[in-house]
PDB file of all heavy atoms in Angstrom:
ATOM      1  N   SER A   1      94.356 110.906  77.712  1.00  0.00           N
ATOM      2  CA  SER A   1      93.664 111.752  78.663  1.00  0.00           C
ATOM      3  C   SER A   1      94.266 113.100  78.779  1.00  0.00           C
ATOM      4  O   SER A   1      93.583 114.115  78.806  1.00  0.00           O
ATOM      5  CB  SER A   1      93.689 111.045  80.064  1.00  0.00           C
ATOM      6  OG  SER A   1      93.083 111.852  80.998  1.00  0.00           O
ATOM      7  N   ALA A   2      95.649 113.149  78.777  1.00  0.00           N
ATOM      8  CA  ALA A   2      96.315 114.437  78.960  1.00  0.00           C
ATOM      9  C   ALA A   2      96.327 115.308  77.674  1.00  0.00           C
ATOM     10  O   ALA A   2      96.100 116.505  77.770  1.00  0.00           O
ATOM     11  CB  ALA A   2      97.782 114.197  79.388  1.00  0.00           C
ATOM     12  N   LEU A   3      96.468 114.684  76.517  1.00  0.00           N
ATOM     13  CA  LEU A   3      96.652 115.457  75.279  1.00  0.00           C
ATOM     14  C   LEU A   3      95.331 115.621  74.538  1.00  0.00           C
ATOM     15  O   LEU A   3      95.152 116.581  73.771  1.00  0.00           O
ATOM     16  CB  LEU A   3      97.670 114.775  74.370  1.00  0.00           C
ATOM     17  CG  LEU A   3      99.088 114.675  74.947  1.00  0.00           C
ATOM     18  CD1 LEU A   3      99.985 113.874  74.044  1.00  0.00           C
ATOM     19  CD2 LEU A   3      99.637 116.038  75.234  1.00  0.00           C
ATOM     20  N   LEU A   4      94.401 114.678  74.678  1.00  0.00           N
ATOM     21  CA  LEU A   4      93.154 114.720  73.933  1.00  0.00           C
ATOM     22  C   LEU A   4      91.924 114.921  74.824  1.00  0.00           C
ATOM     23  O   LEU A   4      90.811 115.055  74.325  1.00  0.00           O
ATOM     24  CB  LEU A   4      92.978 113.449  73.109  1.00  0.00           C
ATOM     25  CG  LEU A   4      94.003 113.150  72.078  1.00  0.00           C
ATOM     26  CD1 LEU A   4      93.782 111.807  71.415  1.00  0.00           C
ATOM     27  CD2 LEU A   4      94.025 114.228  71.013  1.00  0.00           C
ATOM     28  N   GLY A   5      92.133 114.955  76.171  1.00  0.00           N
ATOM     29  CA  GLY A   5      91.042 115.130  77.071  1.00  0.00           C
ATOM     30  C   GLY A   5      90.040 113.981  77.112  1.00  0.00           C
ATOM     31  O   GLY A   5      88.855 114.177  77.387  1.00  0.00           O
ATOM     32  N   GLU A   6      90.476 112.789  76.820  1.00  0.00           N
ATOM     33  CA  GLU A   6      89.626 111.599  76.795  1.00  0.00           C
ATOM     34  C   GLU A   6      89.195 111.174  78.185  1.00  0.00           C
ATOM     35  O   GLU A   6      90.044 111.191  79.074  1.00  0.00           O
ATOM     36  CB  GLU A   6      90.294 110.455  76.043  1.00  0.00           C
ATOM     37  CG  GLU A   6      90.547 110.734  74.598  1.00  0.00           C
ATOM     38  CD  GLU A   6      91.297 109.604  73.880  1.00  0.00           C
ATOM     39  OE1 GLU A   6      91.818 108.699  74.596  1.00  0.00           O
ATOM     40  OE2 GLU A   6      91.357 109.591  72.626  1.00  0.00           O
ATOM     41  N   THR A   7      87.967 110.836  78.336  1.00  0.00           N
ATOM     42  CA  THR A   7      87.440 110.399  79.629  1.00  0.00           C
ATOM     43  C   THR A   7      87.652 108.889  79.841  1.00  0.00           C
ATOM     44  O   THR A   7      87.465 108.129  78.912  1.00  0.00           O
ATOM     45  CB  THR A   7      85.902 110.699  79.741  1.00  0.00           C
ATOM     46  OG1 THR A   7      85.692 112.124  79.559  1.00  0.00           O
ATOM     47  CG2 THR A   7      85.396 110.291  81.106  1.00  0.00           C
ATOM     48  N   VAL A   8      88.127 108.543  81.018  1.00  0.00           N
ATOM     49  CA  VAL A   8      88.348 107.149  81.335  1.00  0.00           C
ATOM     50  C   VAL A   8      87.247 106.680  82.242  1.00  0.00           C
ATOM     51  O   VAL A   8      87.079 107.167  83.362  1.00  0.00           O
ATOM     52  CB  VAL A   8      89.736 106.922  81.989  1.00  0.00           C
ATOM     53  CG1 VAL A   8      89.996 105.510  82.250  1.00  0.00           C
ATOM     54  CG2 VAL A   8      90.845 107.508  81.109  1.00  0.00           C
ATOM     55  N   GLN A   9      86.442 105.668  81.809  1.00  0.00           N
ATOM     56  CA  GLN A   9      85.314 105.186  82.548  1.00  0.00           C
ATOM     57  C   GLN A   9      85.777 104.259  83.682  1.00  0.00           C
ATOM     58  O   GLN A   9      86.804 103.574  83.498  1.00  0.00           O
ATOM     59  CB  GLN A   9      84.319 104.403  81.694  1.00  0.00           C
ATOM     60  CG  GLN A   9      83.762 105.232  80.561  1.00  0.00           C
ATOM     61  CD  GLN A   9      84.672 105.363  79.350  1.00  0.00           C
ATOM     62  OE1 GLN A   9      85.718 104.729  79.294  1.00  0.00           O
ATOM     63  NE2 GLN A   9      84.281 106.194  78.361  1.00  0.00           N
ATOM     64  N   PRO A  10      85.104 104.205  84.854  1.00  0.00           N
ATOM     65  CA  PRO A  10      85.509 103.374  85.976  1.00  0.00           C
ATOM     66  C   PRO A  10      85.659 101.917  85.595  1.00  0.00           C
ATOM     67  O   PRO A  10      86.645 101.278  85.990  1.00  0.00           O
ATOM     68  CB  PRO A  10      84.340 103.586  86.970  1.00  0.00           C
ATOM     69  CG  PRO A  10      83.785 104.956  86.648  1.00  0.00           C
ATOM     70  CD  PRO A  10      83.896 105.046  85.177  1.00  0.00           C
ATOM     71  N   ASN A  11      84.708 101.344  84.842  1.00  0.00           N
ATOM     72  CA  ASN A  11      84.827  99.919  84.510  1.00  0.00           C
ATOM     73  C   ASN A  11      85.915  99.661  83.548  1.00  0.00           C
ATOM     74  O   ASN A  11      86.524  98.565  83.512  1.00  0.00           O
ATOM     75  CB  ASN A  11      83.504  99.366  83.966  1.00  0.00           C
ATOM     76  CG  ASN A  11      83.131 100.028  82.649  1.00  0.00           C
ATOM     77  OD1 ASN A  11      83.045 101.262  82.590  1.00  0.00           O
ATOM     78  ND2 ASN A  11      82.833  99.228  81.662  1.00  0.00           N
ATOM     79  N   PHE A  12      86.302 100.698  82.726  1.00  0.00           N
ATOM     80  CA  PHE A  12      87.449 100.553  81.828  1.00  0.00           C
ATOM     81  C   PHE A  12      88.747 100.496  82.623  1.00  0.00           C
ATOM     82  O   PHE A  12      89.603  99.715  82.354  1.00  0.00           O
ATOM     83  CB  PHE A  12      87.479 101.687  80.829  1.00  0.00           C
ATOM     84  CG  PHE A  12      88.623 101.633  79.871  1.00  0.00           C
ATOM     85  CD1 PHE A  12      88.624 100.720  78.844  1.00  0.00           C
ATOM     86  CD2 PHE A  12      89.703 102.502  79.956  1.00  0.00           C
ATOM     87  CE1 PHE A  12      89.718 100.656  77.950  1.00  0.00           C
ATOM     88  CE2 PHE A  12      90.746 102.445  79.085  1.00  0.00           C
ATOM     89  CZ  PHE A  12      90.725 101.522  78.097  1.00  0.00           C
ATOM     90  N   ILE A  13      88.782 101.342  83.681  1.00  0.00           N
ATOM     91  CA  ILE A  13      89.949 101.272  84.635  1.00  0.00           C
ATOM     92  C   ILE A  13      90.048  99.900  85.255  1.00  0.00           C
ATOM     93  O   ILE A  13      91.171  99.321  85.325  1.00  0.00           O
ATOM     94  CB  ILE A  13      89.863 102.424  85.657  1.00  0.00           C
ATOM     95  CG1 ILE A  13      89.924 103.791  84.967  1.00  0.00           C
ATOM     96  CG2 ILE A  13      90.966 102.263  86.673  1.00  0.00           C
ATOM     97  CD1 ILE A  13      89.722 104.921  85.960  1.00  0.00           C
ATOM     98  N   MET A  14      88.921  99.399  85.746  1.00  0.00           N
ATOM     99  CA  MET A  14      88.903  98.071  86.386  1.00  0.00           C
ATOM    100  C   MET A  14      89.412  97.034  85.429  1.00  0.00           C
ATOM    101  O   MET A  14      90.183  96.131  85.769  1.00  0.00           O
ATOM    102  CB  MET A  14      87.532  97.756  86.921  1.00  0.00           C
ATOM    103  CG  MET A  14      87.427  96.440  87.725  1.00  0.00           C
ATOM    104  SD  MET A  14      85.741  96.098  88.286  1.00  0.00           S
ATOM    105  CE  MET A  14      85.463  97.529  89.324  1.00  0.00           C
ATOM    106  N   GLY A  15      88.841  97.036  84.186  1.00  0.00           N
ATOM    107  CA  GLY A  15      89.262  96.082  83.225  1.00  0.00           C
ATOM    108  C   GLY A  15      90.712  96.180  82.845  1.00  0.00           C
ATOM    109  O   GLY A  15      91.399  95.181  82.701  1.00  0.00           O
ATOM    110  N   SER A  16      91.248  97.395  82.802  1.00  0.00           N
ATOM    111  CA  SER A  16      92.633  97.634  82.485  1.00  0.00           C
ATOM    112  C   SER A  16      93.517  97.038  83.560  1.00  0.00           C
ATOM    113  O   SER A  16      94.551  96.418  83.281  1.00  0.00           O
ATOM    114  CB  SER A  16      92.927  99.125  82.348  1.00  0.00           C
ATOM    115  OG  SER A  16      92.144  99.706  81.356  1.00  0.00           O
ATOM    116  N   VAL A  17      93.116  97.207  84.809  1.00  0.00           N
ATOM    117  CA  VAL A  17      93.880  96.657  85.916  1.00  0.00           C
ATOM    118  C   VAL A  17      93.939  95.133  85.857  1.00  0.00           C
ATOM    119  O   VAL A  17      94.940  94.506  86.067  1.00  0.00           O
ATOM    120  CB  VAL A  17      93.266  97.124  87.273  1.00  0.00           C
ATOM    121  CG1 VAL A  17      93.889  96.337  88.441  1.00  0.00           C
ATOM    122  CG2 VAL A  17      93.440  98.614  87.450  1.00  0.00           C
ATOM    123  N   LEU A  18      92.754  94.515  85.533  1.00  0.00           N
ATOM    124  CA  LEU A  18      92.732  93.057  85.439  1.00  0.00           C
ATOM    125  C   LEU A  18      93.594  92.581  84.260  1.00  0.00           C
ATOM    126  O   LEU A  18      94.313  91.575  84.398  1.00  0.00           O
ATOM    127  CB  LEU A  18      91.277  92.624  85.217  1.00  0.00           C
ATOM    128  CG  LEU A  18      90.342  92.780  86.429  1.00  0.00           C
ATOM    129  CD1 LEU A  18      88.928  92.380  86.041  1.00  0.00           C
ATOM    130  CD2 LEU A  18      90.793  91.903  87.629  1.00  0.00           C
ATOM    131  N   ILE A  19      93.568  93.274  83.125  1.00  0.00           N
ATOM    132  CA  ILE A  19      94.407  92.892  81.995  1.00  0.00           C
ATOM    133  C   ILE A  19      95.846  92.944  82.322  1.00  0.00           C
ATOM    134  O   ILE A  19      96.654  92.009  82.079  1.00  0.00           O
ATOM    135  CB  ILE A  19      94.044  93.726  80.769  1.00  0.00           C
ATOM    136  CG1 ILE A  19      92.630  93.481  80.259  1.00  0.00           C
ATOM    137  CG2 ILE A  19      95.034  93.536  79.634  1.00  0.00           C
ATOM    138  CD1 ILE A  19      92.164  94.402  79.177  1.00  0.00           C
ATOM    139  N   ILE A  20      96.249  94.070  82.927  1.00  0.00           N
ATOM    140  CA  ILE A  20      97.683  94.246  83.297  1.00  0.00           C
ATOM    141  C   ILE A  20      98.082  93.247  84.361  1.00  0.00           C
ATOM    142  O   ILE A  20      99.201  92.712  84.292  1.00  0.00           O
ATOM    143  CB  ILE A  20      97.902  95.695  83.768  1.00  0.00           C
ATOM    144  CG1 ILE A  20      97.698  96.644  82.561  1.00  0.00           C
ATOM    145  CG2 ILE A  20      99.307  95.845  84.325  1.00  0.00           C
ATOM    146  CD1 ILE A  20      97.682  98.112  82.962  1.00  0.00           C
ATOM    147  N   ALA A  21      97.199  92.958  85.331  1.00  0.00           N
ATOM    148  CA  ALA A  21      97.505  91.955  86.342  1.00  0.00           C
ATOM    149  C   ALA A  21      97.712  90.624  85.690  1.00  0.00           C
ATOM    150  O   ALA A  21      98.609  89.828  86.129  1.00  0.00           O
ATOM    151  CB  ALA A  21      96.388  91.916  87.387  1.00  0.00           C
ATOM    152  N   GLY A  22      96.872  90.306  84.765  1.00  0.00           N
ATOM    153  CA  GLY A  22      96.992  89.037  84.037  1.00  0.00           C
ATOM    154  C   GLY A  22      98.296  88.928  83.286  1.00  0.00           C
ATOM    155  O   GLY A  22      98.972  87.854  83.313  1.00  0.00           O
ATOM    156  N   LEU A  23      98.770  90.031  82.672  1.00  0.00           N
ATOM    157  CA  LEU A  23     100.005  90.004  81.991  1.00  0.00           C
ATOM    158  C   LEU A  23     101.170  89.851  82.934  1.00  0.00           C
ATOM    159  O   LEU A  23     102.196  89.244  82.630  1.00  0.00           O
ATOM    160  CB  LEU A  23     100.149  91.282  81.143  1.00  0.00           C
ATOM    161  CG  LEU A  23      99.243  91.369  79.905  1.00  0.00           C
ATOM    162  CD1 LEU A  23      99.255  92.785  79.312  1.00  0.00           C
ATOM    163  CD2 LEU A  23      99.743  90.358  78.853  1.00  0.00           C
ATOM    164  N   ILE A  24     101.067  90.487  84.093  1.00  0.00           N
ATOM    165  CA  ILE A  24     102.092  90.345  85.132  1.00  0.00           C
ATOM    166  C   ILE A  24     102.174  88.883  85.606  1.00  0.00           C
ATOM    167  O   ILE A  24     103.313  88.371  85.742  1.00  0.00           O
ATOM    168  CB  ILE A  24     101.789  91.226  86.355  1.00  0.00           C
ATOM    169  CG1 ILE A  24     101.946  92.700  85.989  1.00  0.00           C
ATOM    170  CG2 ILE A  24     102.709  90.893  87.540  1.00  0.00           C
ATOM    171  CD1 ILE A  24     101.519  93.688  87.080  1.00  0.00           C
ATOM    172  N   LEU A  25     101.078  88.220  85.736  1.00  0.00           N
ATOM    173  CA  LEU A  25     101.105  86.762  86.084  1.00  0.00           C
ATOM    174  C   LEU A  25     101.801  85.932  85.040  1.00  0.00           C
ATOM    175  O   LEU A  25     102.557  85.011  85.298  1.00  0.00           O
ATOM    176  CB  LEU A  25      99.693  86.253  86.293  1.00  0.00           C
ATOM    177  CG  LEU A  25      99.054  86.555  87.679  1.00  0.00           C
ATOM    178  CD1 LEU A  25      97.643  85.959  87.710  1.00  0.00           C
ATOM    179  CD2 LEU A  25      99.877  86.005  88.789  1.00  0.00           C
ATOM    180  N   THR A  26     101.558  86.274  83.741  1.00  0.00           N
ATOM    181  CA  THR A  26     102.269  85.512  82.683  1.00  0.00           C
ATOM    182  C   THR A  26     103.744  85.784  82.708  1.00  0.00           C
ATOM    183  O   THR A  26     104.517  84.931  82.270  1.00  0.00           O
ATOM    184  CB  THR A  26     101.690  85.907  81.270  1.00  0.00           C
ATOM    185  OG1 THR A  26     102.001  87.262  80.998  1.00  0.00           O
ATOM    186  CG2 THR A  26     100.195  85.684  81.249  1.00  0.00           C
ATOM    187  N   ARG A  27     104.153  86.901  83.240  1.00  0.00           N
ATOM    188  CA  ARG A  27     105.604  87.203  83.347  1.00  0.00           C
ATOM    189  C   ARG A  27     106.218  86.442  84.494  1.00  0.00           C
ATOM    190  O   ARG A  27     107.260  85.766  84.311  1.00  0.00           O
ATOM    191  CB  ARG A  27     105.790  88.719  83.562  1.00  0.00           C
ATOM    192  CG  ARG A  27     107.188  89.124  84.034  1.00  0.00           C
ATOM    193  CD  ARG A  27     108.254  88.873  82.958  1.00  0.00           C
ATOM    194  NE  ARG A  27     109.553  89.235  83.407  1.00  0.00           N
ATOM    195  CZ  ARG A  27     110.408  88.388  83.982  1.00  0.00           C
ATOM    196  NH1 ARG A  27     110.109  87.155  84.169  1.00  0.00           N
ATOM    197  NH2 ARG A  27     111.591  88.817  84.380  1.00  0.00           N
ATOM    198  N   PHE A  28     105.598  86.558  85.700  1.00  0.00           N
ATOM    199  CA  PHE A  28     106.266  85.934  86.867  1.00  0.00           C
ATOM    200  C   PHE A  28     105.991  84.435  86.938  1.00  0.00           C
ATOM    201  O   PHE A  28     106.641  83.740  87.707  1.00  0.00           O
ATOM    202  CB  PHE A  28     105.753  86.619  88.152  1.00  0.00           C
ATOM    203  CG  PHE A  28     106.323  88.018  88.301  1.00  0.00           C
ATOM    204  CD1 PHE A  28     105.527  89.102  88.005  1.00  0.00           C
ATOM    205  CD2 PHE A  28     107.617  88.170  88.757  1.00  0.00           C
ATOM    206  CE1 PHE A  28     106.099  90.402  88.152  1.00  0.00           C
ATOM    207  CE2 PHE A  28     108.119  89.480  88.873  1.00  0.00           C
ATOM    208  CZ  PHE A  28     107.368  90.553  88.581  1.00  0.00           C
ATOM    209  N   GLY A  29     105.048  83.940  86.152  1.00  0.00           N
ATOM    210  CA  GLY A  29     104.745  82.535  86.180  1.00  0.00           C
ATOM    211  C   GLY A  29     105.658  81.684  85.279  1.00  0.00           C
ATOM    212  O   GLY A  29     105.590  80.432  85.320  1.00  0.00           O
ATOM    213  N   GLN A  30     106.507  82.358  84.482  1.00  0.00           N
ATOM    214  CA  GLN A  30     107.259  81.631  83.472  1.00  0.00           C
ATOM    215  C   GLN A  30     108.422  80.809  84.079  1.00  0.00           C
ATOM    216  O   GLN A  30     108.970  79.900  83.455  1.00  0.00           O
ATOM    217  CB  GLN A  30     107.857  82.599  82.461  1.00  0.00           C
ATOM    218  CG  GLN A  30     108.900  83.587  83.039  1.00  0.00           C
ATOM    219  CD  GLN A  30     109.387  84.545  81.984  1.00  0.00           C
ATOM    220  OE1 GLN A  30     109.139  84.360  80.792  1.00  0.00           O
ATOM    221  NE2 GLN A  30     110.075  85.575  82.429  1.00  0.00           N
ATOM    222  N   THR A  31     108.805  81.100  85.354  1.00  0.00           N
ATOM    223  CA  THR A  31     109.864  80.358  85.999  1.00  0.00           C
ATOM    224  C   THR A  31     109.423  79.070  86.616  1.00  0.00           C
ATOM    225  O   THR A  31     110.248  78.284  87.084  1.00  0.00           O
ATOM    226  CB  THR A  31     110.529  81.267  87.076  1.00  0.00           C
ATOM    227  OG1 THR A  31     109.596  81.633  88.067  1.00  0.00           O
ATOM    228  CG2 THR A  31     111.145  82.513  86.493  1.00  0.00           C
ATOM    229  N   MET A  32     108.106  78.855  86.638  1.00  0.00           N
ATOM    230  CA  MET A  32     107.591  77.609  87.260  1.00  0.00           C
ATOM    231  C   MET A  32     107.580  76.520  86.233  1.00  0.00           C
ATOM    232  O   MET A  32     107.895  76.708  85.043  1.00  0.00           O
ATOM    233  CB  MET A  32     106.194  77.857  87.801  1.00  0.00           C
ATOM    234  CG  MET A  32     106.181  79.004  88.877  1.00  0.00           C
ATOM    235  SD  MET A  32     104.509  79.316  89.517  1.00  0.00           S
ATOM    236  CE  MET A  32     104.854  80.621  90.683  1.00  0.00           C
ATOM    237  N   LYS A  33     107.145  75.354  86.658  1.00  0.00           N
ATOM    238  CA  LYS A  33     107.088  74.207  85.772  1.00  0.00           C
ATOM    239  C   LYS A  33     105.982  74.350  84.769  1.00  0.00           C
ATOM    240  O   LYS A  33     104.819  74.562  85.114  1.00  0.00           O
ATOM    241  CB  LYS A  33     106.864  72.885  86.583  1.00  0.00           C
ATOM    242  CG  LYS A  33     106.941  71.665  85.758  1.00  0.00           C
ATOM    243  CD  LYS A  33     106.801  70.415  86.674  1.00  0.00           C
ATOM    244  CE  LYS A  33     106.892  69.170  85.846  1.00  0.00           C
ATOM    245  NZ  LYS A  33     106.725  67.958  86.675  1.00  0.00           N
ATOM    246  N   PRO A  34     106.298  74.257  83.441  1.00  0.00           N
ATOM    247  CA  PRO A  34     105.248  74.467  82.409  1.00  0.00           C
ATOM    248  C   PRO A  34     104.294  73.302  82.361  1.00  0.00           C
ATOM    249  O   PRO A  34     104.579  72.221  82.759  1.00  0.00           O
ATOM    250  CB  PRO A  34     106.104  74.554  81.123  1.00  0.00           C
ATOM    251  CG  PRO A  34     107.351  73.791  81.434  1.00  0.00           C
ATOM    252  CD  PRO A  34     107.622  73.999  82.892  1.00  0.00           C
ATOM    253  N   VAL A  35     103.096  73.588  81.804  1.00  0.00           N
ATOM    254  CA  VAL A  35     102.094  72.602  81.646  1.00  0.00           C
ATOM    255  C   VAL A  35     102.471  71.739  80.456  1.00  0.00           C
ATOM    256  O   VAL A  35     102.807  72.205  79.356  1.00  0.00           O
ATOM    257  CB  VAL A  35     100.702  73.237  81.379  1.00  0.00           C
ATOM    258  CG1 VAL A  35      99.686  72.155  81.086  1.00  0.00           C
ATOM    259  CG2 VAL A  35     100.291  74.105  82.549  1.00  0.00           C
ATOM    260  N   ARG A  36     102.471  70.404  80.603  1.00  0.00           N
ATOM    261  CA  ARG A  36     102.822  69.473  79.518  1.00  0.00           C
ATOM    262  C   ARG A  36     101.628  69.110  78.662  1.00  0.00           C
ATOM    263  O   ARG A  36     100.529  69.086  79.128  1.00  0.00           O
ATOM    264  CB  ARG A  36     103.437  68.189  80.138  1.00  0.00           C
ATOM    265  CG  ARG A  36     104.704  68.506  80.948  1.00  0.00           C
ATOM    266  CD  ARG A  36     105.811  69.078  80.034  1.00  0.00           C
ATOM    267  NE  ARG A  36     107.027  69.430  80.836  1.00  0.00           N
ATOM    268  CZ  ARG A  36     108.075  69.984  80.309  1.00  0.00           C
ATOM    269  NH1 ARG A  36     108.080  70.318  79.068  1.00  0.00           N
ATOM    270  NH2 ARG A  36     109.116  70.232  81.081  1.00  0.00           N
TER     271      ARG A  36
END
């Protein structure tokens, strides 16, 4: 966005937030009991 002037669409931002939130869950969920 800063160097190439690329436009970021609202639904792309929403999807990005969901993807990153999902990755965060995979990080903090690793200390729990794993699925057998």
